[in-house]
Amino acid sequence: MECMYCQAEMKKGTAPFHIDRDGVHVSLDEIPAWVCSQCGESYFEEKEVDVIQELVKAVEEQTQKFAKTA
């Protein structure tokens, strides 16, 4: 696999993922990913993206519930 930014070789490793939603910060430190050996750009495979999207959806749902009770 080749990096779309610098065309260097991608290697299996881990990468962090951070997101802010409605005042909530979610930080995942080590998500399996393809990581560029030159520039450090990371790409997540479909199954990791699906898990991240499920987590974000759950955070959004819980944040909405919390906002309604406040």
PDB file of N, CA and C in Angstrom:
ATOM      1  N   MET A   1       0.849  -1.168   0.000  1.00  0.00           N
ATOM      2  CA  MET A   1       0.000   0.000   0.000  1.00  0.00           C
ATOM      3  C   MET A   1       0.900   1.238   0.000  1.00  0.00           C
ATOM      4  N   GLU A   2       0.451   2.268  -0.710  1.00  0.00           N
ATOM      5  CA  GLU A   2       1.240   3.477  -0.875  1.00  0.00           C
ATOM      6  C   GLU A   2       0.483   4.687  -0.310  1.00  0.00           C
ATOM      7  N   CYS A   3       1.188   5.570   0.366  1.00  0.00           N
ATOM      8  CA  CYS A   3       0.596   6.779   0.937  1.00  0.00           C
ATOM      9  C   CYS A   3       0.088   7.687  -0.180  1.00  0.00           C
ATOM     10  N   MET A   4      -1.114   8.191  -0.039  1.00  0.00           N
ATOM     11  CA  MET A   4      -1.670   9.050  -1.079  1.00  0.00           C
ATOM     12  C   MET A   4      -1.043  10.450  -1.070  1.00  0.00           C
ATOM     13  N   TYR A   5      -0.352  10.820   0.011  1.00  0.00           N
ATOM     14  CA  TYR A   5       0.265  12.143   0.097  1.00  0.00           C
ATOM     15  C   TYR A   5       1.705  12.161  -0.400  1.00  0.00           C
ATOM     16  N   CYS A   6       2.518  11.199   0.056  1.00  0.00           N
ATOM     17  CA  CYS A   6       3.942  11.247  -0.290  1.00  0.00           C
ATOM     18  C   CYS A   6       4.416  10.015  -1.063  1.00  0.00           C
ATOM     19  N   GLN A   7       3.507   9.062  -1.289  1.00  0.00           N
ATOM     20  CA  GLN A   7       3.774   7.836  -2.047  1.00  0.00           C
ATOM     21  C   GLN A   7       4.789   6.889  -1.390  1.00  0.00           C
ATOM     22  N   ALA A   8       5.081   7.090  -0.117  1.00  0.00           N
ATOM     23  CA  ALA A   8       5.963   6.162   0.598  1.00  0.00           C
ATOM     24  C   ALA A   8       5.162   4.917   1.007  1.00  0.00           C
ATOM     25  N   GLU A   9       5.880   3.935   1.505  1.00  0.00           N
ATOM     26  CA  GLU A   9       5.272   2.669   1.907  1.00  0.00           C
ATOM     27  C   GLU A   9       4.461   2.816   3.197  1.00  0.00           C
ATOM     28  N   MET A  10       3.281   2.202   3.208  1.00  0.00           N
ATOM     29  CA  MET A  10       2.428   2.158   4.401  1.00  0.00           C
ATOM     30  C   MET A  10       2.702   0.842   5.119  1.00  0.00           C
ATOM     31  N   LYS A  11       2.749   0.910   6.447  1.00  0.00           N
ATOM     32  CA  LYS A  11       2.971  -0.290   7.258  1.00  0.00           C
ATOM     33  C   LYS A  11       1.868  -0.399   8.299  1.00  0.00           C
ATOM     34  N   LYS A  12       1.537  -1.650   8.660  1.00  0.00           N
ATOM     35  CA  LYS A  12       0.542  -1.872   9.708  1.00  0.00           C
ATOM     36  C   LYS A  12       1.095  -1.372  11.034  1.00  0.00           C
ATOM     37  N   GLY A  13       0.254  -0.677  11.776  1.00  0.00           N
ATOM     38  CA  GLY A  13       0.639  -0.168  13.082  1.00  0.00           C
ATOM     39  C   GLY A  13      -0.603   0.318  13.806  1.00  0.00           C
ATOM     40  N   THR A  14      -0.453   1.347  14.590  1.00  0.00           N
ATOM     41  CA  THR A  14      -1.585   1.952  15.276  1.00  0.00           C
ATOM     42  C   THR A  14      -1.481   3.465  15.137  1.00  0.00           C
ATOM     43  N   ALA A  15      -2.632   4.119  15.296  1.00  0.00           N
ATOM     44  CA  ALA A  15      -2.667   5.573  15.220  1.00  0.00           C
ATOM     45  C   ALA A  15      -3.728   6.080  16.186  1.00  0.00           C
ATOM     46  N   PRO A  16      -3.556   7.293  16.697  1.00  0.00           N
ATOM     47  CA  PRO A  16      -4.567   7.866  17.573  1.00  0.00           C
ATOM     48  C   PRO A  16      -5.747   8.415  16.760  1.00  0.00           C
ATOM     49  N   PHE A  17      -6.866   8.562  17.425  1.00  0.00           N
ATOM     50  CA  PHE A  17      -8.048   9.185  16.822  1.00  0.00           C
ATOM     51  C   PHE A  17      -8.685  10.069  17.878  1.00  0.00           C
ATOM     52  N   HIS A  18      -8.980  11.305  17.521  1.00  0.00           N
ATOM     53  CA  HIS A  18      -9.574  12.267  18.450  1.00  0.00           C
ATOM     54  C   HIS A  18     -10.775  12.919  17.783  1.00  0.00           C
ATOM     55  N   ILE A  19     -11.821  13.148  18.569  1.00  0.00           N
ATOM     56  CA  ILE A  19     -12.992  13.831  18.035  1.00  0.00           C
ATOM     57  C   ILE A  19     -13.666  14.625  19.152  1.00  0.00           C
ATOM     58  N   ASP A  20     -14.205  15.775  18.811  1.00  0.00           N
ATOM     59  CA  ASP A  20     -14.987  16.593  19.731  1.00  0.00           C
ATOM     60  C   ASP A  20     -16.422  16.639  19.225  1.00  0.00           C
ATOM     61  N   ARG A  21     -17.367  16.355  20.100  1.00  0.00           N
ATOM     62  CA  ARG A  21     -18.788  16.396  19.756  1.00  0.00           C
ATOM     63  C   ARG A  21     -19.545  17.009  20.915  1.00  0.00           C
ATOM     64  N   ASP A  22     -20.209  18.117  20.668  1.00  0.00           N
ATOM     65  CA  ASP A  22     -21.097  18.733  21.663  1.00  0.00           C
ATOM     66  C   ASP A  22     -20.440  18.869  23.029  1.00  0.00           C
ATOM     67  N   GLY A  23     -19.211  19.351  23.052  1.00  0.00           N
ATOM     68  CA  GLY A  23     -18.525  19.561  24.318  1.00  0.00           C
ATOM     69  C   GLY A  23     -17.896  18.315  24.917  1.00  0.00           C
ATOM     70  N   VAL A  24     -17.930  17.208  24.199  1.00  0.00           N
ATOM     71  CA  VAL A  24     -17.335  15.959  24.670  1.00  0.00           C
ATOM     72  C   VAL A  24     -16.124  15.646  23.794  1.00  0.00           C
ATOM     73  N   HIS A  25     -14.997  15.359  24.434  1.00  0.00           N
ATOM     74  CA  HIS A  25     -13.786  14.999  23.700  1.00  0.00           C
ATOM     75  C   HIS A  25     -13.538  13.506  23.886  1.00  0.00           C
ATOM     76  N   VAL A  26     -13.428  12.786  22.770  1.00  0.00           N
ATOM     77  CA  VAL A  26     -13.131  11.359  22.791  1.00  0.00           C
ATOM     78  C   VAL A  26     -11.734  11.182  22.204  1.00  0.00           C
ATOM     79  N   SER A  27     -10.899  10.464  22.921  1.00  0.00           N
ATOM     80  CA  SER A  27      -9.530  10.236  22.485  1.00  0.00           C
ATOM     81  C   SER A  27      -9.236   8.738  22.550  1.00  0.00           C
ATOM     82  N   LEU A  28      -8.921   8.174  21.405  1.00  0.00           N
ATOM     83  CA  LEU A  28      -8.538   6.768  21.312  1.00  0.00           C
ATOM     84  C   LEU A  28      -7.065   6.742  20.948  1.00  0.00           C
ATOM     85  N   ASP A  29      -6.257   6.111  21.751  1.00  0.00           N
ATOM     86  CA  ASP A  29      -4.810   6.199  21.582  1.00  0.00           C
ATOM     87  C   ASP A  29      -4.216   5.250  20.551  1.00  0.00           C
ATOM     88  N   GLU A  30      -4.747   4.053  20.435  1.00  0.00           N
ATOM     89  CA  GLU A  30      -4.107   3.058  19.570  1.00  0.00           C
ATOM     90  C   GLU A  30      -5.139   2.280  18.761  1.00  0.00           C
ATOM     91  N   ILE A  31      -5.520   2.838  17.621  1.00  0.00           N
ATOM     92  CA  ILE A  31      -6.441   2.177  16.705  1.00  0.00           C
ATOM     93  C   ILE A  31      -5.603   1.504  15.613  1.00  0.00           C
ATOM     94  N   PRO A  32      -5.868   0.232  15.308  1.00  0.00           N
ATOM     95  CA  PRO A  32      -5.128  -0.409  14.219  1.00  0.00           C
ATOM     96  C   PRO A  32      -5.278   0.412  12.933  1.00  0.00           C
ATOM     97  N   ALA A  33      -4.168   0.632  12.237  1.00  0.00           N
ATOM     98  CA  ALA A  33      -4.188   1.474  11.046  1.00  0.00           C
ATOM     99  C   ALA A  33      -2.998   1.159  10.153  1.00  0.00           C
ATOM    100  N   TRP A  34      -3.077   1.643   8.928  1.00  0.00           N
ATOM    101  CA  TRP A  34      -1.932   1.683   8.036  1.00  0.00           C
ATOM    102  C   TRP A  34      -1.270   3.027   8.265  1.00  0.00           C
ATOM    103  N   VAL A  35       0.034   3.036   8.538  1.00  0.00           N
ATOM    104  CA  VAL A  35       0.757   4.265   8.862  1.00  0.00           C
ATOM    105  C   VAL A  35       1.904   4.440   7.869  1.00  0.00           C
ATOM    106  N   CYS A  36       2.000   5.654   7.333  1.00  0.00           N
ATOM    107  CA  CYS A  36       3.057   5.945   6.363  1.00  0.00           C
ATOM    108  C   CYS A  36       4.411   5.965   7.057  1.00  0.00           C
ATOM    109  N   SER A  37       5.363   5.272   6.469  1.00  0.00           N
ATOM    110  CA  SER A  37       6.705   5.195   7.047  1.00  0.00           C
ATOM    111  C   SER A  37       7.489   6.498   6.877  1.00  0.00           C
ATOM    112  N   GLN A  38       7.011   7.383   6.015  1.00  0.00           N
ATOM    113  CA  GLN A  38       7.722   8.636   5.775  1.00  0.00           C
ATOM    114  C   GLN A  38       7.041   9.839   6.443  1.00  0.00           C
ATOM    115  N   CYS A  39       5.770  10.072   6.138  1.00  0.00           N
ATOM    116  CA  CYS A  39       5.107  11.287   6.642  1.00  0.00           C
ATOM    117  C   CYS A  39       4.228  11.055   7.866  1.00  0.00           C
ATOM    118  N   GLY A  40       3.941   9.783   8.192  1.00  0.00           N
ATOM    119  CA  GLY A  40       3.153   9.477   9.371  1.00  0.00           C
ATOM    120  C   GLY A  40       1.649   9.512   9.163  1.00  0.00           C
ATOM    121  N   GLU A  41       1.195   9.815   7.957  1.00  0.00           N
ATOM    122  CA  GLU A  41      -0.247   9.815   7.661  1.00  0.00           C
ATOM    123  C   GLU A  41      -0.806   8.430   7.971  1.00  0.00           C
ATOM    124  N   SER A  42      -2.033   8.389   8.495  1.00  0.00           N
ATOM    125  CA  SER A  42      -2.620   7.089   8.831  1.00  0.00           C
ATOM    126  C   SER A  42      -3.951   6.903   8.129  1.00  0.00           C
ATOM    127  N   TYR A  43      -4.236   5.638   7.821  1.00  0.00           N
ATOM    128  CA  TYR A  43      -5.480   5.252   7.182  1.00  0.00           C
ATOM    129  C   TYR A  43      -6.084   4.106   7.988  1.00  0.00           C
ATOM    130  N   PHE A  44      -7.375   4.224   8.277  1.00  0.00           N
ATOM    131  CA  PHE A  44      -8.085   3.166   8.986  1.00  0.00           C
ATOM    132  C   PHE A  44      -8.830   2.310   7.984  1.00  0.00           C
ATOM    133  N   GLU A  45      -8.857   1.004   8.243  1.00  0.00           N
ATOM    134  CA  GLU A  45      -9.621   0.095   7.401  1.00  0.00           C
ATOM    135  C   GLU A  45     -11.097   0.190   7.758  1.00  0.00           C
ATOM    136  N   GLU A  46     -11.933  -0.379   6.918  1.00  0.00           N
ATOM    137  CA  GLU A  46     -13.387  -0.259   7.045  1.00  0.00           C
ATOM    138  C   GLU A  46     -13.901  -0.712   8.409  1.00  0.00           C
ATOM    139  N   LYS A  47     -13.401  -1.826   8.920  1.00  0.00           N
ATOM    140  CA  LYS A  47     -13.933  -2.326  10.198  1.00  0.00           C
ATOM    141  C   LYS A  47     -13.606  -1.364  11.344  1.00  0.00           C
ATOM    142  N   GLU A  48     -12.429  -0.736  11.324  1.00  0.00           N
ATOM    143  CA  GLU A  48     -12.089   0.241  12.359  1.00  0.00           C
ATOM    144  C   GLU A  48     -12.957   1.496  12.213  1.00  0.00           C
ATOM    145  N   VAL A  49     -13.188   1.920  10.973  1.00  0.00           N
ATOM    146  CA  VAL A  49     -14.060   3.084  10.732  1.00  0.00           C
ATOM    147  C   VAL A  49     -15.464   2.796  11.249  1.00  0.00           C
ATOM    148  N   ASP A  50     -15.966   1.600  11.012  1.00  0.00           N
ATOM    149  CA  ASP A  50     -17.304   1.231  11.490  1.00  0.00           C
ATOM    150  C   ASP A  50     -17.383   1.314  13.015  1.00  0.00           C
ATOM    151  N   VAL A  51     -16.370   0.810  13.707  1.00  0.00           N
ATOM    152  CA  VAL A  51     -16.355   0.850  15.176  1.00  0.00           C
ATOM    153  C   VAL A  51     -16.285   2.297  15.666  1.00  0.00           C
ATOM    154  N   ILE A  52     -15.450   3.111  15.031  1.00  0.00           N
ATOM    155  CA  ILE A  52     -15.340   4.519  15.416  1.00  0.00           C
ATOM    156  C   ILE A  52     -16.681   5.219  15.212  1.00  0.00           C
ATOM    157  N   GLN A  53     -17.345   4.971  14.086  1.00  0.00           N
ATOM    158  CA  GLN A  53     -18.639   5.601  13.820  1.00  0.00           C
ATOM    159  C   GLN A  53     -19.691   5.179  14.841  1.00  0.00           C
ATOM    160  N   GLU A  54     -19.691   3.914  15.240  1.00  0.00           N
ATOM    161  CA  GLU A  54     -20.613   3.441  16.274  1.00  0.00           C
ATOM    162  C   GLU A  54     -20.349   4.150  17.594  1.00  0.00           C
ATOM    163  N   LEU A  55     -19.082   4.315  17.945  1.00  0.00           N
ATOM    164  CA  LEU A  55     -18.711   4.998  19.178  1.00  0.00           C
ATOM    165  C   LEU A  55     -19.165   6.456  19.143  1.00  0.00           C
ATOM    166  N   VAL A  56     -18.926   7.140  18.039  1.00  0.00           N
ATOM    167  CA  VAL A  56     -19.333   8.538  17.905  1.00  0.00           C
ATOM    168  C   VAL A  56     -20.851   8.661  18.007  1.00  0.00           C
ATOM    169  N   LYS A  57     -21.569   7.761  17.379  1.00  0.00           N
ATOM    170  CA  LYS A  57     -23.031   7.774  17.450  1.00  0.00           C
ATOM    171  C   LYS A  57     -23.505   7.594  18.891  1.00  0.00           C
ATOM    172  N   ALA A  58     -22.894   6.660  19.610  1.00  0.00           N
ATOM    173  CA  ALA A  58     -23.257   6.430  21.014  1.00  0.00           C
ATOM    174  C   ALA A  58     -22.965   7.663  21.862  1.00  0.00           C
ATOM    175  N   VAL A  59     -21.837   8.322  21.626  1.00  0.00           N
ATOM    176  CA  VAL A  59     -21.494   9.539  22.371  1.00  0.00           C
ATOM    177  C   VAL A  59     -22.527  10.628  22.091  1.00  0.00           C
ATOM    178  N   GLU A  60     -22.909  10.790  20.822  1.00  0.00           N
ATOM    179  CA  GLU A  60     -23.905  11.798  20.466  1.00  0.00           C
ATOM    180  C   GLU A  60     -25.242  11.511  21.142  1.00  0.00           C
ATOM    181  N   GLU A  61     -25.674  10.244  21.145  1.00  0.00           N
ATOM    182  CA  GLU A  61     -26.946   9.867  21.778  1.00  0.00           C
ATOM    183  C   GLU A  61     -26.912  10.139  23.277  1.00  0.00           C
ATOM    184  N   GLN A  62     -25.818   9.756  23.936  1.00  0.00           N
ATOM    185  CA  GLN A  62     -25.714   9.963  25.380  1.00  0.00           C
ATOM    186  C   GLN A  62     -25.614  11.463  25.722  1.00  0.00           C
ATOM    187  N   THR A  63     -24.935  12.216  24.880  1.00  0.00           N
ATOM    188  CA  THR A  63     -24.809  13.657  25.106  1.00  0.00           C
ATOM    189  C   THR A  63     -26.186  14.320  24.993  1.00  0.00           C
ATOM    190  N   GLN A  64     -26.993  13.894  24.036  1.00  0.00           N
ATOM    191  CA  GLN A  64     -28.346  14.440  23.884  1.00  0.00           C
ATOM    192  C   GLN A  64     -29.204  14.097  25.102  1.00  0.00           C
ATOM    193  N   LYS A  65     -29.105  12.866  25.604  1.00  0.00           N
ATOM    194  CA  LYS A  65     -29.844  12.478  26.809  1.00  0.00           C
ATOM    195  C   LYS A  65     -29.439  13.329  28.002  1.00  0.00           C
ATOM    196  N   PHE A  66     -28.143  13.556  28.149  1.00  0.00           N
ATOM    197  CA  PHE A  66     -27.628  14.344  29.251  1.00  0.00           C
ATOM    198  C   PHE A  66     -28.124  15.780  29.156  1.00  0.00           C
ATOM    199  N   ALA A  67     -28.128  16.337  27.944  1.00  0.00           N
ATOM    200  CA  ALA A  67     -28.566  17.719  27.736  1.00  0.00           C
ATOM    201  C   ALA A  67     -30.032  17.888  28.095  1.00  0.00           C
ATOM    202  N   LYS A  68     -30.836  16.877  27.846  1.00  0.00           N
ATOM    203  CA  LYS A  68     -32.286  16.946  28.143  1.00  0.00           C
ATOM    204  C   LYS A  68     -32.552  16.935  29.639  1.00  0.00           C
ATOM    205  N   THR A  69     -31.670  16.303  30.409  1.00  0.00           N
ATOM    206  CA  THR A  69     -31.893  16.217  31.860  1.00  0.00           C
ATOM    207  C   THR A  69     -31.283  17.404  32.611  1.00  0.00           C
ATOM    208  N   ALA A  70     -30.442  18.156  31.950  1.00  0.00           N
ATOM    209  CA  ALA A  70     -29.764  19.277  32.621  1.00  0.00           C
ATOM    210  C   ALA A  70     -30.644  20.508  32.721  1.00  0.00           C
TER     211      ALA A  70
END
